[in-house]
Amino acid sequence: MPEVHVPHADDHHRGKSVLRIALEVVMLAVGVFLGLTGEQWREHRQHREAADAALRRFRAEIASNRKSVSAVKDYHVTMRGRIDKYLKDRDAAAVSMQGIQPAFIEHTAWDLALATQSLAYIDERLAFALSRVYSTQQEYAELSRGLLQAMYIHPPGENMAVFFGAVSVYYGDITQLDPKLIEMYDDLEGQISRALGEPAATRTRTGTE
């Protein structure tokens, strides 16, 4: 007669132990997965908050810089014309200059973004646009600083023609940068507002706006 195998209690217990271990492994894996997912979500949220805070600082600083540039751009154009007339006719009375009046441009938001590395959390295209604006601002600041240094080396009273020649070159560059910066500010402000999911400011193109 064929031998009949009768399951023992130990076999049943062993099967339940294997199933229990398998369930524990699955539960552990699910727990680890959920933990990692939660940590990634928290990290992403922190990065998003850091990016939004940085963008709001950028937007406020850009608005301030735009106001500063807009306040002096017409003066720069006027003085360039007067100085060019002086250099041609040597009529000092036609100049009537009230200082160089460079725009005072802030860059604190950019410095803070670099220090906190929050720039890395901003969209790549927007970060590139920010970099272009602040590079142009740096160019503007270097031109202004160079002229002021030249004024100390060759004060206006020593040789008016040399002084006004330097100022004419300065205004030649600045009158190109003023409208360029304003256009860049307006475009960047719109990009930042869209990134924040907020409406962009509306401006008129007349006057200093």
N, C-alpha and C. Protein backbone atom coordinates (compact mmCIF):
# COMPACT_ATOMS: atom_id res chain seq x y z
N MET A 1 0.84 -1.20 0.00
CA MET A 1 0.00 0.00 0.00
C MET A 1 0.88 1.26 0.00
N PRO A 2 0.45 2.31 -0.72
CA PRO A 2 1.25 3.53 -0.70
C PRO A 2 1.23 4.16 0.69
N GLU A 3 2.38 4.77 0.95
CA GLU A 3 2.52 5.39 2.28
C GLU A 3 1.80 6.73 2.29
N VAL A 4 0.99 6.97 3.25
CA VAL A 4 0.22 8.20 3.39
C VAL A 4 0.91 9.10 4.38
N HIS A 5 1.18 10.36 3.91
CA HIS A 5 1.84 11.34 4.79
C HIS A 5 0.79 12.17 5.50
N VAL A 6 0.84 12.16 6.77
CA VAL A 6 -0.09 12.92 7.58
C VAL A 6 0.61 14.18 8.08
N PRO A 7 0.10 15.40 7.73
CA PRO A 7 0.75 16.63 8.19
C PRO A 7 0.84 16.68 9.69
N HIS A 8 2.01 17.11 10.12
CA HIS A 8 2.21 17.26 11.56
C HIS A 8 1.92 18.69 11.98
N ALA A 9 1.72 18.87 13.23
CA ALA A 9 1.45 20.22 13.78
C ALA A 9 2.64 21.13 13.55
N ASP A 10 3.85 20.53 13.57
CA ASP A 10 5.06 21.37 13.36
C ASP A 10 5.09 21.96 11.96
N ASP A 11 4.63 21.17 10.96
CA ASP A 11 4.61 21.68 9.59
C ASP A 11 3.65 22.87 9.47
N HIS A 12 2.51 22.77 10.12
CA HIS A 12 1.53 23.86 10.08
C HIS A 12 2.09 25.11 10.76
N HIS A 13 2.76 24.89 11.89
CA HIS A 13 3.34 26.02 12.62
C HIS A 13 4.45 26.68 11.81
N ARG A 14 5.26 25.84 11.12
CA ARG A 14 6.35 26.36 10.31
C ARG A 14 5.80 27.20 9.15
N GLY A 15 4.69 26.78 8.54
CA GLY A 15 4.08 27.53 7.44
C GLY A 15 3.58 28.88 7.91
N LYS A 16 2.97 28.91 9.09
CA LYS A 16 2.48 30.17 9.63
C LYS A 16 3.63 31.11 9.95
N SER A 17 4.77 30.58 10.40
CA SER A 17 5.93 31.41 10.72
C SER A 17 6.50 32.05 9.47
N VAL A 18 6.59 31.30 8.38
CA VAL A 18 7.11 31.85 7.13
C VAL A 18 6.20 32.96 6.62
N LEU A 19 4.88 32.72 6.71
CA LEU A 19 3.93 33.73 6.26
C LEU A 19 4.03 34.99 7.11
N ARG A 20 4.20 34.80 8.42
CA ARG A 20 4.31 35.95 9.31
C ARG A 20 5.57 36.76 9.00
N ILE A 21 6.66 36.06 8.76
CA ILE A 21 7.91 36.76 8.44
C ILE A 21 7.77 37.54 7.14
N ALA A 22 7.10 36.90 6.15
CA ALA A 22 6.91 37.57 4.87
C ALA A 22 6.07 38.84 5.04
N LEU A 23 5.02 38.74 5.85
CA LEU A 23 4.18 39.91 6.09
C LEU A 23 4.95 41.01 6.82
N GLU A 24 5.80 40.62 7.75
CA GLU A 24 6.60 41.60 8.48
C GLU A 24 7.58 42.30 7.57
N VAL A 25 8.17 41.54 6.65
CA VAL A 25 9.11 42.13 5.69
C VAL A 25 8.38 43.13 4.80
N VAL A 26 7.18 42.73 4.33
CA VAL A 26 6.40 43.62 3.47
C VAL A 26 6.01 44.90 4.22
N MET A 27 5.58 44.74 5.45
CA MET A 27 5.18 45.90 6.25
C MET A 27 6.37 46.81 6.52
N LEU A 28 7.53 46.22 6.76
CA LEU A 28 8.74 47.01 7.00
C LEU A 28 9.12 47.80 5.75
N ALA A 29 9.02 47.12 4.59
CA ALA A 29 9.35 47.78 3.33
C ALA A 29 8.39 48.93 3.06
N VAL A 30 7.09 48.69 3.32
CA VAL A 30 6.10 49.75 3.12
C VAL A 30 6.37 50.92 4.07
N GLY A 31 6.73 50.61 5.30
CA GLY A 31 7.02 51.66 6.27
C GLY A 31 8.21 52.50 5.86
N VAL A 32 9.26 51.83 5.37
CA VAL A 32 10.45 52.56 4.91
C VAL A 32 10.10 53.44 3.71
N PHE A 33 9.32 52.88 2.79
CA PHE A 33 8.91 53.64 1.59
C PHE A 33 8.11 54.87 1.97
N LEU A 34 7.13 54.68 2.88
CA LEU A 34 6.32 55.81 3.30
C LEU A 34 7.15 56.85 4.04
N GLY A 35 8.11 56.37 4.83
CA GLY A 35 8.98 57.30 5.54
C GLY A 35 9.82 58.13 4.59
N LEU A 36 10.40 57.47 3.59
CA LEU A 36 11.21 58.19 2.61
C LEU A 36 10.37 59.16 1.80
N THR A 37 9.16 58.70 1.44
CA THR A 37 8.26 59.58 0.67
C THR A 37 7.88 60.80 1.48
N GLY A 38 7.58 60.61 2.76
CA GLY A 38 7.24 61.73 3.63
C GLY A 38 8.39 62.69 3.80
N GLU A 39 9.60 62.15 3.93
CA GLU A 39 10.79 63.00 4.08
C GLU A 39 11.05 63.80 2.81
N GLN A 40 10.88 63.16 1.66
CA GLN A 40 11.06 63.86 0.39
C GLN A 40 10.02 64.96 0.23
N TRP A 41 8.79 64.68 0.64
CA TRP A 41 7.73 65.68 0.56
C TRP A 41 8.05 66.87 1.45
N ARG A 42 8.52 66.60 2.68
CA ARG A 42 8.87 67.71 3.59
C ARG A 42 10.04 68.52 3.04
N GLU A 43 11.02 67.82 2.46
CA GLU A 43 12.18 68.51 1.91
C GLU A 43 11.77 69.37 0.70
N HIS A 44 10.90 68.81 -0.14
CA HIS A 44 10.41 69.57 -1.30
C HIS A 44 9.63 70.80 -0.84
N ARG A 45 8.82 70.62 0.19
CA ARG A 45 8.04 71.76 0.69
C ARG A 45 8.95 72.83 1.26
N GLN A 46 10.00 72.44 1.98
CA GLN A 46 10.95 73.41 2.51
C GLN A 46 11.66 74.17 1.39
N HIS A 47 12.03 73.44 0.34
CA HIS A 47 12.68 74.08 -0.80
C HIS A 47 11.73 75.06 -1.50
N ARG A 48 10.47 74.66 -1.63
CA ARG A 48 9.48 75.51 -2.26
C ARG A 48 9.27 76.78 -1.44
N GLU A 49 9.21 76.65 -0.13
CA GLU A 49 9.04 77.81 0.73
C GLU A 49 10.25 78.73 0.65
N ALA A 50 11.45 78.15 0.61
CA ALA A 50 12.67 78.95 0.48
C ALA A 50 12.70 79.69 -0.84
N ALA A 51 12.28 79.01 -1.91
CA ALA A 51 12.25 79.63 -3.23
C ALA A 51 11.24 80.78 -3.28
N ASP A 52 10.06 80.55 -2.73
CA ASP A 52 9.02 81.59 -2.73
C ASP A 52 9.47 82.81 -1.93
N ALA A 53 10.10 82.57 -0.78
CA ALA A 53 10.59 83.69 0.04
C ALA A 53 11.65 84.48 -0.72
N ALA A 54 12.55 83.76 -1.39
CA ALA A 54 13.59 84.44 -2.17
C ALA A 54 12.98 85.24 -3.31
N LEU A 55 11.99 84.67 -3.99
CA LEU A 55 11.36 85.36 -5.12
C LEU A 55 10.65 86.63 -4.66
N ARG A 56 10.03 86.59 -3.50
CA ARG A 56 9.36 87.79 -2.99
C ARG A 56 10.39 88.88 -2.66
N ARG A 57 11.54 88.46 -2.11
CA ARG A 57 12.61 89.44 -1.85
C ARG A 57 13.12 90.02 -3.17
N PHE A 58 13.30 89.16 -4.16
CA PHE A 58 13.75 89.64 -5.47
C PHE A 58 12.76 90.64 -6.06
N ARG A 59 11.48 90.30 -5.98
CA ARG A 59 10.47 91.18 -6.57
C ARG A 59 10.46 92.54 -5.89
N ALA A 60 10.58 92.57 -4.57
CA ALA A 60 10.59 93.85 -3.85
C ALA A 60 11.84 94.66 -4.21
N GLU A 61 12.98 93.98 -4.29
CA GLU A 61 14.22 94.69 -4.60
C GLU A 61 14.22 95.19 -6.04
N ILE A 62 13.70 94.39 -6.95
CA ILE A 62 13.63 94.80 -8.35
C ILE A 62 12.71 96.01 -8.50
N ALA A 63 11.60 96.02 -7.79
CA ALA A 63 10.69 97.18 -7.85
C ALA A 63 11.38 98.44 -7.34
N SER A 64 12.17 98.28 -6.27
CA SER A 64 12.91 99.42 -5.72
C SER A 64 13.97 99.91 -6.70
N ASN A 65 14.70 98.98 -7.31
CA ASN A 65 15.73 99.35 -8.27
C ASN A 65 15.13 100.00 -9.52
N ARG A 66 13.98 99.49 -9.94
CA ARG A 66 13.31 100.08 -11.10
C ARG A 66 12.93 101.53 -10.82
N LYS A 67 12.43 101.78 -9.64
CA LYS A 67 12.05 103.13 -9.26
C LYS A 67 13.27 104.05 -9.26
N SER A 68 14.39 103.54 -8.77
CA SER A 68 15.62 104.32 -8.71
C SER A 68 16.12 104.67 -10.11
N VAL A 69 16.11 103.69 -11.02
CA VAL A 69 16.57 103.93 -12.39
C VAL A 69 15.61 104.87 -13.11
N SER A 70 14.31 104.65 -12.95
CA SER A 70 13.32 105.49 -13.63
C SER A 70 13.41 106.95 -13.20
N ALA A 71 13.80 107.18 -11.94
CA ALA A 71 13.84 108.55 -11.42
C ALA A 71 14.95 109.39 -12.05
N VAL A 72 15.99 108.75 -12.61
CA VAL A 72 17.13 109.52 -13.12
C VAL A 72 17.36 109.36 -14.62
N LYS A 73 16.62 108.47 -15.28
CA LYS A 73 16.93 108.18 -16.68
C LYS A 73 16.73 109.40 -17.57
N ASP A 74 15.70 110.21 -17.34
CA ASP A 74 15.47 111.40 -18.16
C ASP A 74 16.56 112.44 -17.91
N TYR A 75 17.00 112.55 -16.67
CA TYR A 75 18.09 113.48 -16.34
C TYR A 75 19.36 113.10 -17.09
N HIS A 76 19.64 111.80 -17.15
CA HIS A 76 20.84 111.34 -17.86
C HIS A 76 20.79 111.72 -19.33
N VAL A 77 19.63 111.54 -19.96
CA VAL A 77 19.47 111.88 -21.37
C VAL A 77 19.66 113.39 -21.58
N THR A 78 19.05 114.19 -20.70
CA THR A 78 19.16 115.64 -20.81
C THR A 78 20.60 116.10 -20.65
N MET A 79 21.29 115.58 -19.63
CA MET A 79 22.66 116.00 -19.36
C MET A 79 23.61 115.53 -20.45
N ARG A 80 23.35 114.41 -21.03
CA ARG A 80 24.21 113.96 -22.12
C ARG A 80 24.13 114.95 -23.28
N GLY A 81 22.92 115.40 -23.61
CA GLY A 81 22.76 116.37 -24.68
C GLY A 81 23.45 117.69 -24.36
N ARG A 82 23.33 118.17 -23.12
CA ARG A 82 23.95 119.43 -22.73
C ARG A 82 25.47 119.34 -22.75
N ILE A 83 25.99 118.22 -22.27
CA ILE A 83 27.45 118.07 -22.23
C ILE A 83 28.02 117.94 -23.63
N ASP A 84 27.32 117.21 -24.48
CA ASP A 84 27.78 117.11 -25.86
C ASP A 84 27.79 118.49 -26.53
N LYS A 85 26.82 119.32 -26.18
CA LYS A 85 26.77 120.68 -26.72
C LYS A 85 27.96 121.49 -26.19
N TYR A 86 28.28 121.31 -24.90
CA TYR A 86 29.42 122.02 -24.34
C TYR A 86 30.72 121.60 -25.03
N LEU A 87 30.89 120.30 -25.23
CA LEU A 87 32.11 119.81 -25.86
C LEU A 87 32.25 120.34 -27.30
N LYS A 88 31.12 120.65 -27.90
CA LYS A 88 31.15 121.17 -29.27
C LYS A 88 31.34 122.68 -29.30
N ASP A 89 30.62 123.41 -28.41
CA ASP A 89 30.62 124.88 -28.44
C ASP A 89 31.43 125.50 -27.31
N ARG A 90 31.83 124.69 -26.31
CA ARG A 90 32.52 125.20 -25.12
C ARG A 90 31.70 126.25 -24.40
N ASP A 91 30.40 126.02 -24.34
CA ASP A 91 29.51 126.94 -23.62
C ASP A 91 29.15 126.30 -22.28
N ALA A 92 29.93 126.61 -21.25
CA ALA A 92 29.74 125.99 -19.94
C ALA A 92 28.39 126.33 -19.33
N ALA A 93 27.87 127.49 -19.67
CA ALA A 93 26.58 127.89 -19.10
C ALA A 93 25.45 126.99 -19.55
N ALA A 94 25.63 126.31 -20.67
CA ALA A 94 24.57 125.44 -21.19
C ALA A 94 24.46 124.13 -20.42
N VAL A 95 25.47 123.84 -19.60
CA VAL A 95 25.48 122.54 -18.92
C VAL A 95 24.53 122.53 -17.73
N SER A 96 24.71 123.48 -16.80
CA SER A 96 23.84 123.58 -15.62
C SER A 96 23.63 122.20 -14.98
N MET A 97 24.72 121.62 -14.55
CA MET A 97 24.69 120.24 -14.05
C MET A 97 24.37 120.19 -12.56
N GLN A 98 23.52 119.28 -12.16
CA GLN A 98 23.17 119.09 -10.75
C GLN A 98 23.65 117.72 -10.28
N GLY A 99 24.92 117.49 -10.41
CA GLY A 99 25.50 116.21 -9.99
C GLY A 99 25.38 115.15 -11.07
N ILE A 100 26.08 114.05 -10.87
CA ILE A 100 26.06 112.94 -11.83
C ILE A 100 24.73 112.19 -11.75
N GLN A 101 24.23 112.01 -10.54
CA GLN A 101 22.96 111.33 -10.26
C GLN A 101 22.88 109.90 -10.84
N PRO A 102 23.79 109.02 -10.44
CA PRO A 102 23.62 107.62 -10.83
C PRO A 102 22.49 106.99 -10.02
N ALA A 103 21.88 105.99 -10.56
CA ALA A 103 20.84 105.26 -9.81
C ALA A 103 21.53 104.39 -8.76
N PHE A 104 21.02 104.40 -7.56
CA PHE A 104 21.57 103.56 -6.50
C PHE A 104 20.81 102.23 -6.50
N ILE A 105 21.50 101.19 -6.91
CA ILE A 105 20.87 99.89 -7.15
C ILE A 105 21.26 98.92 -6.05
N GLU A 106 20.26 98.26 -5.48
CA GLU A 106 20.48 97.31 -4.40
C GLU A 106 20.69 95.90 -4.95
N HIS A 107 21.42 95.08 -4.19
CA HIS A 107 21.64 93.68 -4.59
C HIS A 107 21.61 92.74 -3.39
N THR A 108 20.96 93.18 -2.31
CA THR A 108 20.91 92.38 -1.09
C THR A 108 20.19 91.05 -1.31
N ALA A 109 19.09 91.07 -2.06
CA ALA A 109 18.33 89.83 -2.30
C ALA A 109 19.19 88.80 -3.01
N TRP A 110 19.99 89.25 -3.96
CA TRP A 110 20.88 88.34 -4.70
C TRP A 110 21.95 87.77 -3.76
N ASP A 111 22.55 88.62 -2.94
CA ASP A 111 23.58 88.16 -2.01
C ASP A 111 23.01 87.14 -1.03
N LEU A 112 21.80 87.40 -0.53
CA LEU A 112 21.17 86.48 0.42
C LEU A 112 20.82 85.15 -0.25
N ALA A 113 20.34 85.21 -1.49
CA ALA A 113 20.01 83.98 -2.20
C ALA A 113 21.24 83.11 -2.41
N LEU A 114 22.37 83.73 -2.69
CA LEU A 114 23.61 82.97 -2.85
C LEU A 114 24.07 82.40 -1.51
N ALA A 115 23.94 83.19 -0.44
CA ALA A 115 24.39 82.74 0.88
C ALA A 115 23.55 81.57 1.39
N THR A 116 22.24 81.60 1.14
CA THR A 116 21.34 80.55 1.62
C THR A 116 21.14 79.43 0.60
N GLN A 117 21.72 79.58 -0.58
CA GLN A 117 21.59 78.60 -1.66
C GLN A 117 20.15 78.42 -2.13
N SER A 118 19.30 79.40 -1.84
CA SER A 118 17.90 79.30 -2.26
C SER A 118 17.75 79.47 -3.77
N LEU A 119 18.77 80.03 -4.42
CA LEU A 119 18.71 80.19 -5.87
C LEU A 119 18.62 78.83 -6.56
N ALA A 120 19.16 77.80 -5.92
CA ALA A 120 19.14 76.45 -6.50
C ALA A 120 17.73 75.87 -6.55
N TYR A 121 16.81 76.41 -5.75
CA TYR A 121 15.44 75.89 -5.70
C TYR A 121 14.50 76.62 -6.66
N ILE A 122 15.02 77.64 -7.35
CA ILE A 122 14.22 78.42 -8.29
C ILE A 122 14.33 77.80 -9.68
N ASP A 123 13.26 77.91 -10.45
CA ASP A 123 13.26 77.40 -11.81
C ASP A 123 14.50 77.89 -12.57
N GLU A 124 15.11 76.99 -13.33
CA GLU A 124 16.38 77.28 -13.99
C GLU A 124 16.30 78.50 -14.92
N ARG A 125 15.24 78.60 -15.69
CA ARG A 125 15.10 79.73 -16.61
C ARG A 125 14.93 81.04 -15.86
N LEU A 126 14.18 81.00 -14.77
CA LEU A 126 13.98 82.21 -13.98
C LEU A 126 15.28 82.60 -13.28
N ALA A 127 16.02 81.62 -12.79
CA ALA A 127 17.31 81.90 -12.15
C ALA A 127 18.28 82.54 -13.15
N PHE A 128 18.23 82.07 -14.39
CA PHE A 128 19.09 82.64 -15.44
C PHE A 128 18.71 84.09 -15.71
N ALA A 129 17.40 84.37 -15.77
CA ALA A 129 16.93 85.74 -15.98
C ALA A 129 17.36 86.65 -14.83
N LEU A 130 17.28 86.16 -13.61
CA LEU A 130 17.74 86.92 -12.45
C LEU A 130 19.23 87.22 -12.57
N SER A 131 20.00 86.22 -12.96
CA SER A 131 21.44 86.40 -13.10
C SER A 131 21.77 87.47 -14.14
N ARG A 132 21.03 87.49 -15.25
CA ARG A 132 21.26 88.49 -16.30
C ARG A 132 20.98 89.90 -15.77
N VAL A 133 19.90 90.06 -15.02
CA VAL A 133 19.56 91.37 -14.49
C VAL A 133 20.64 91.86 -13.53
N TYR A 134 21.05 90.98 -12.61
CA TYR A 134 22.03 91.42 -11.62
C TYR A 134 23.41 91.61 -12.24
N SER A 135 23.72 90.92 -13.32
CA SER A 135 24.97 91.16 -14.04
C SER A 135 24.94 92.53 -14.71
N THR A 136 23.79 92.88 -15.29
CA THR A 136 23.64 94.20 -15.92
C THR A 136 23.71 95.30 -14.88
N GLN A 137 23.11 95.06 -13.72
CA GLN A 137 23.20 96.03 -12.63
C GLN A 137 24.65 96.20 -12.18
N GLN A 138 25.40 95.11 -12.14
CA GLN A 138 26.80 95.19 -11.76
C GLN A 138 27.59 96.03 -12.76
N GLU A 139 27.28 95.86 -14.03
CA GLU A 139 27.92 96.67 -15.07
C GLU A 139 27.62 98.15 -14.85
N TYR A 140 26.36 98.44 -14.53
CA TYR A 140 25.93 99.82 -14.26
C TYR A 140 26.72 100.38 -13.07
N ALA A 141 26.81 99.61 -12.00
CA ALA A 141 27.50 100.06 -10.79
C ALA A 141 28.98 100.29 -11.05
N GLU A 142 29.60 99.44 -11.85
CA GLU A 142 31.03 99.59 -12.14
C GLU A 142 31.29 100.85 -12.97
N LEU A 143 30.40 101.16 -13.91
CA LEU A 143 30.54 102.38 -14.68
C LEU A 143 30.45 103.61 -13.78
N SER A 144 29.49 103.61 -12.88
CA SER A 144 29.32 104.74 -11.96
C SER A 144 30.52 104.87 -11.03
N ARG A 145 30.99 103.74 -10.53
CA ARG A 145 32.14 103.77 -9.63
C ARG A 145 33.39 104.27 -10.37
N GLY A 146 33.55 103.84 -11.61
CA GLY A 146 34.70 104.29 -12.39
C GLY A 146 34.70 105.79 -12.61
N LEU A 147 33.52 106.36 -12.90
CA LEU A 147 33.44 107.80 -13.11
C LEU A 147 33.74 108.55 -11.82
N LEU A 148 33.20 108.09 -10.71
CA LEU A 148 33.44 108.77 -9.43
C LEU A 148 34.92 108.72 -9.06
N GLN A 149 35.59 107.61 -9.34
CA GLN A 149 37.03 107.53 -9.08
C GLN A 149 37.79 108.50 -9.97
N ALA A 150 37.36 108.62 -11.22
CA ALA A 150 38.02 109.54 -12.15
C ALA A 150 37.87 110.99 -11.68
N MET A 151 36.73 111.30 -11.06
CA MET A 151 36.50 112.65 -10.57
C MET A 151 37.48 113.02 -9.47
N TYR A 152 37.88 112.05 -8.65
CA TYR A 152 38.84 112.32 -7.59
C TYR A 152 40.24 112.52 -8.18
N ILE A 153 40.53 111.79 -9.24
CA ILE A 153 41.85 111.91 -9.87
C ILE A 153 41.96 113.21 -10.65
N HIS A 154 40.90 113.54 -11.38
CA HIS A 154 40.86 114.78 -12.18
C HIS A 154 39.61 115.57 -11.80
N PRO A 155 39.66 116.36 -10.74
CA PRO A 155 38.49 117.14 -10.32
C PRO A 155 38.02 118.07 -11.43
N PRO A 156 36.72 118.38 -11.46
CA PRO A 156 36.17 119.22 -12.52
C PRO A 156 36.88 120.56 -12.67
N GLY A 157 37.34 121.15 -11.55
CA GLY A 157 37.97 122.47 -11.62
C GLY A 157 39.29 122.49 -12.35
N GLU A 158 39.96 121.34 -12.46
CA GLU A 158 41.27 121.30 -13.11
C GLU A 158 41.15 121.49 -14.62
N ASN A 159 40.24 120.75 -15.21
CA ASN A 159 40.07 120.82 -16.66
C ASN A 159 38.64 120.41 -16.99
N MET A 160 37.80 121.41 -17.25
CA MET A 160 36.39 121.12 -17.49
C MET A 160 36.18 120.26 -18.72
N ALA A 161 36.98 120.47 -19.75
CA ALA A 161 36.81 119.70 -20.97
C ALA A 161 37.08 118.22 -20.73
N VAL A 162 38.14 117.92 -19.97
CA VAL A 162 38.47 116.53 -19.67
C VAL A 162 37.37 115.91 -18.81
N PHE A 163 36.92 116.69 -17.82
CA PHE A 163 35.86 116.19 -16.93
C PHE A 163 34.57 115.89 -17.70
N PHE A 164 34.12 116.85 -18.48
CA PHE A 164 32.89 116.65 -19.23
C PHE A 164 33.04 115.58 -20.31
N GLY A 165 34.25 115.42 -20.82
CA GLY A 165 34.49 114.34 -21.78
C GLY A 165 34.27 112.98 -21.13
N ALA A 166 34.76 112.82 -19.88
CA ALA A 166 34.56 111.56 -19.15
C ALA A 166 33.08 111.34 -18.83
N VAL A 167 32.39 112.43 -18.43
CA VAL A 167 30.97 112.32 -18.10
C VAL A 167 30.16 111.98 -19.36
N SER A 168 30.56 112.54 -20.49
CA SER A 168 29.85 112.25 -21.74
C SER A 168 29.96 110.77 -22.10
N VAL A 169 31.14 110.20 -21.93
CA VAL A 169 31.32 108.77 -22.20
C VAL A 169 30.46 107.95 -21.24
N TYR A 170 30.45 108.36 -19.96
CA TYR A 170 29.65 107.67 -18.95
C TYR A 170 28.17 107.69 -19.31
N TYR A 171 27.66 108.90 -19.62
CA TYR A 171 26.24 109.01 -19.97
C TYR A 171 25.92 108.28 -21.27
N GLY A 172 26.90 108.19 -22.16
CA GLY A 172 26.67 107.44 -23.39
C GLY A 172 26.33 105.99 -23.11
N ASP A 173 27.00 105.41 -22.10
CA ASP A 173 26.71 104.02 -21.71
C ASP A 173 25.45 103.94 -20.85
N ILE A 174 25.33 104.86 -19.89
CA ILE A 174 24.23 104.81 -18.94
C ILE A 174 22.88 105.01 -19.62
N THR A 175 22.83 105.90 -20.62
CA THR A 175 21.55 106.13 -21.30
C THR A 175 21.12 104.91 -22.13
N GLN A 176 22.05 104.01 -22.37
CA GLN A 176 21.69 102.74 -23.00
C GLN A 176 21.22 101.73 -21.95
N LEU A 177 21.86 101.76 -20.79
CA LEU A 177 21.53 100.79 -19.75
C LEU A 177 20.23 101.11 -19.02
N ASP A 178 19.91 102.40 -18.87
CA ASP A 178 18.69 102.78 -18.14
C ASP A 178 17.44 102.11 -18.73
N PRO A 179 17.11 102.32 -20.01
CA PRO A 179 15.91 101.68 -20.56
C PRO A 179 16.03 100.17 -20.64
N LYS A 180 17.24 99.68 -20.84
CA LYS A 180 17.45 98.23 -20.89
C LYS A 180 17.10 97.59 -19.55
N LEU A 181 17.57 98.21 -18.46
CA LEU A 181 17.28 97.69 -17.13
C LEU A 181 15.79 97.75 -16.83
N ILE A 182 15.14 98.86 -17.17
CA ILE A 182 13.70 98.97 -16.90
C ILE A 182 12.93 97.89 -17.64
N GLU A 183 13.29 97.64 -18.88
CA GLU A 183 12.63 96.58 -19.64
C GLU A 183 12.87 95.21 -18.99
N MET A 184 14.10 94.98 -18.56
CA MET A 184 14.43 93.71 -17.90
C MET A 184 13.69 93.57 -16.58
N TYR A 185 13.58 94.67 -15.83
CA TYR A 185 12.84 94.64 -14.56
C TYR A 185 11.37 94.25 -14.80
N ASP A 186 10.75 94.87 -15.78
CA ASP A 186 9.34 94.60 -16.05
C ASP A 186 9.13 93.14 -16.45
N ASP A 187 10.00 92.65 -17.31
CA ASP A 187 9.88 91.26 -17.75
C ASP A 187 10.10 90.30 -16.58
N LEU A 188 11.09 90.59 -15.77
CA LEU A 188 11.42 89.72 -14.65
C LEU A 188 10.34 89.74 -13.58
N GLU A 189 9.78 90.92 -13.35
CA GLU A 189 8.69 91.03 -12.37
C GLU A 189 7.52 90.14 -12.77
N GLY A 190 7.20 90.12 -14.07
CA GLY A 190 6.13 89.25 -14.56
C GLY A 190 6.47 87.79 -14.37
N GLN A 191 7.70 87.41 -14.65
CA GLN A 191 8.11 86.01 -14.48
C GLN A 191 8.02 85.59 -13.01
N ILE A 192 8.46 86.46 -12.12
CA ILE A 192 8.42 86.14 -10.69
C ILE A 192 6.97 85.99 -10.22
N SER A 193 6.11 86.90 -10.64
CA SER A 193 4.71 86.83 -10.22
C SER A 193 4.06 85.54 -10.72
N ARG A 194 4.38 85.15 -11.96
CA ARG A 194 3.82 83.89 -12.48
C ARG A 194 4.35 82.70 -11.70
N ALA A 195 5.62 82.72 -11.33
CA ALA A 195 6.20 81.62 -10.56
C ALA A 195 5.55 81.52 -9.18
N LEU A 196 5.13 82.66 -8.63
CA LEU A 196 4.46 82.67 -7.32
C LEU A 196 2.96 82.44 -7.44
N GLY A 197 2.45 82.40 -8.68
CA GLY A 197 1.02 82.23 -8.88
C GLY A 197 0.23 83.45 -8.50
N GLU A 198 0.85 84.64 -8.66
CA GLU A 198 0.21 85.89 -8.29
C GLU A 198 0.14 86.81 -9.52
N PRO A 199 -0.82 87.73 -9.56
CA PRO A 199 -0.93 88.64 -10.72
C PRO A 199 0.25 89.59 -10.77
N ALA A 200 0.73 89.86 -11.99
CA ALA A 200 1.83 90.79 -12.17
C ALA A 200 1.32 92.22 -12.11
N ALA A 201 2.20 93.13 -11.72
CA ALA A 201 1.83 94.55 -11.67
C ALA A 201 1.65 95.08 -13.08
N THR A 202 0.70 95.97 -13.23
CA THR A 202 0.47 96.61 -14.54
C THR A 202 1.07 98.01 -14.49
N ARG A 203 1.77 98.39 -15.57
CA ARG A 203 2.43 99.69 -15.61
C ARG A 203 2.11 100.39 -16.92
N THR A 204 2.14 101.69 -16.88
CA THR A 204 2.02 102.46 -18.11
C THR A 204 3.41 102.74 -18.63
N ARG A 205 3.52 103.05 -19.89
CA ARG A 205 4.81 103.31 -20.50
C ARG A 205 5.10 104.80 -20.65
N THR A 206 4.43 105.61 -19.88
CA THR A 206 4.64 107.06 -19.97
C THR A 206 5.36 107.54 -18.73
N GLY A 207 6.02 108.67 -18.86
CA GLY A 207 6.70 109.25 -17.70
C GLY A 207 7.80 108.35 -17.22
N THR A 208 7.89 108.19 -15.90
CA THR A 208 8.92 107.37 -15.28
C THR A 208 8.41 106.00 -14.92
N GLU A 209 7.21 105.69 -15.33
CA GLU A 209 6.66 104.37 -15.03
C GLU A 209 7.27 103.31 -15.93
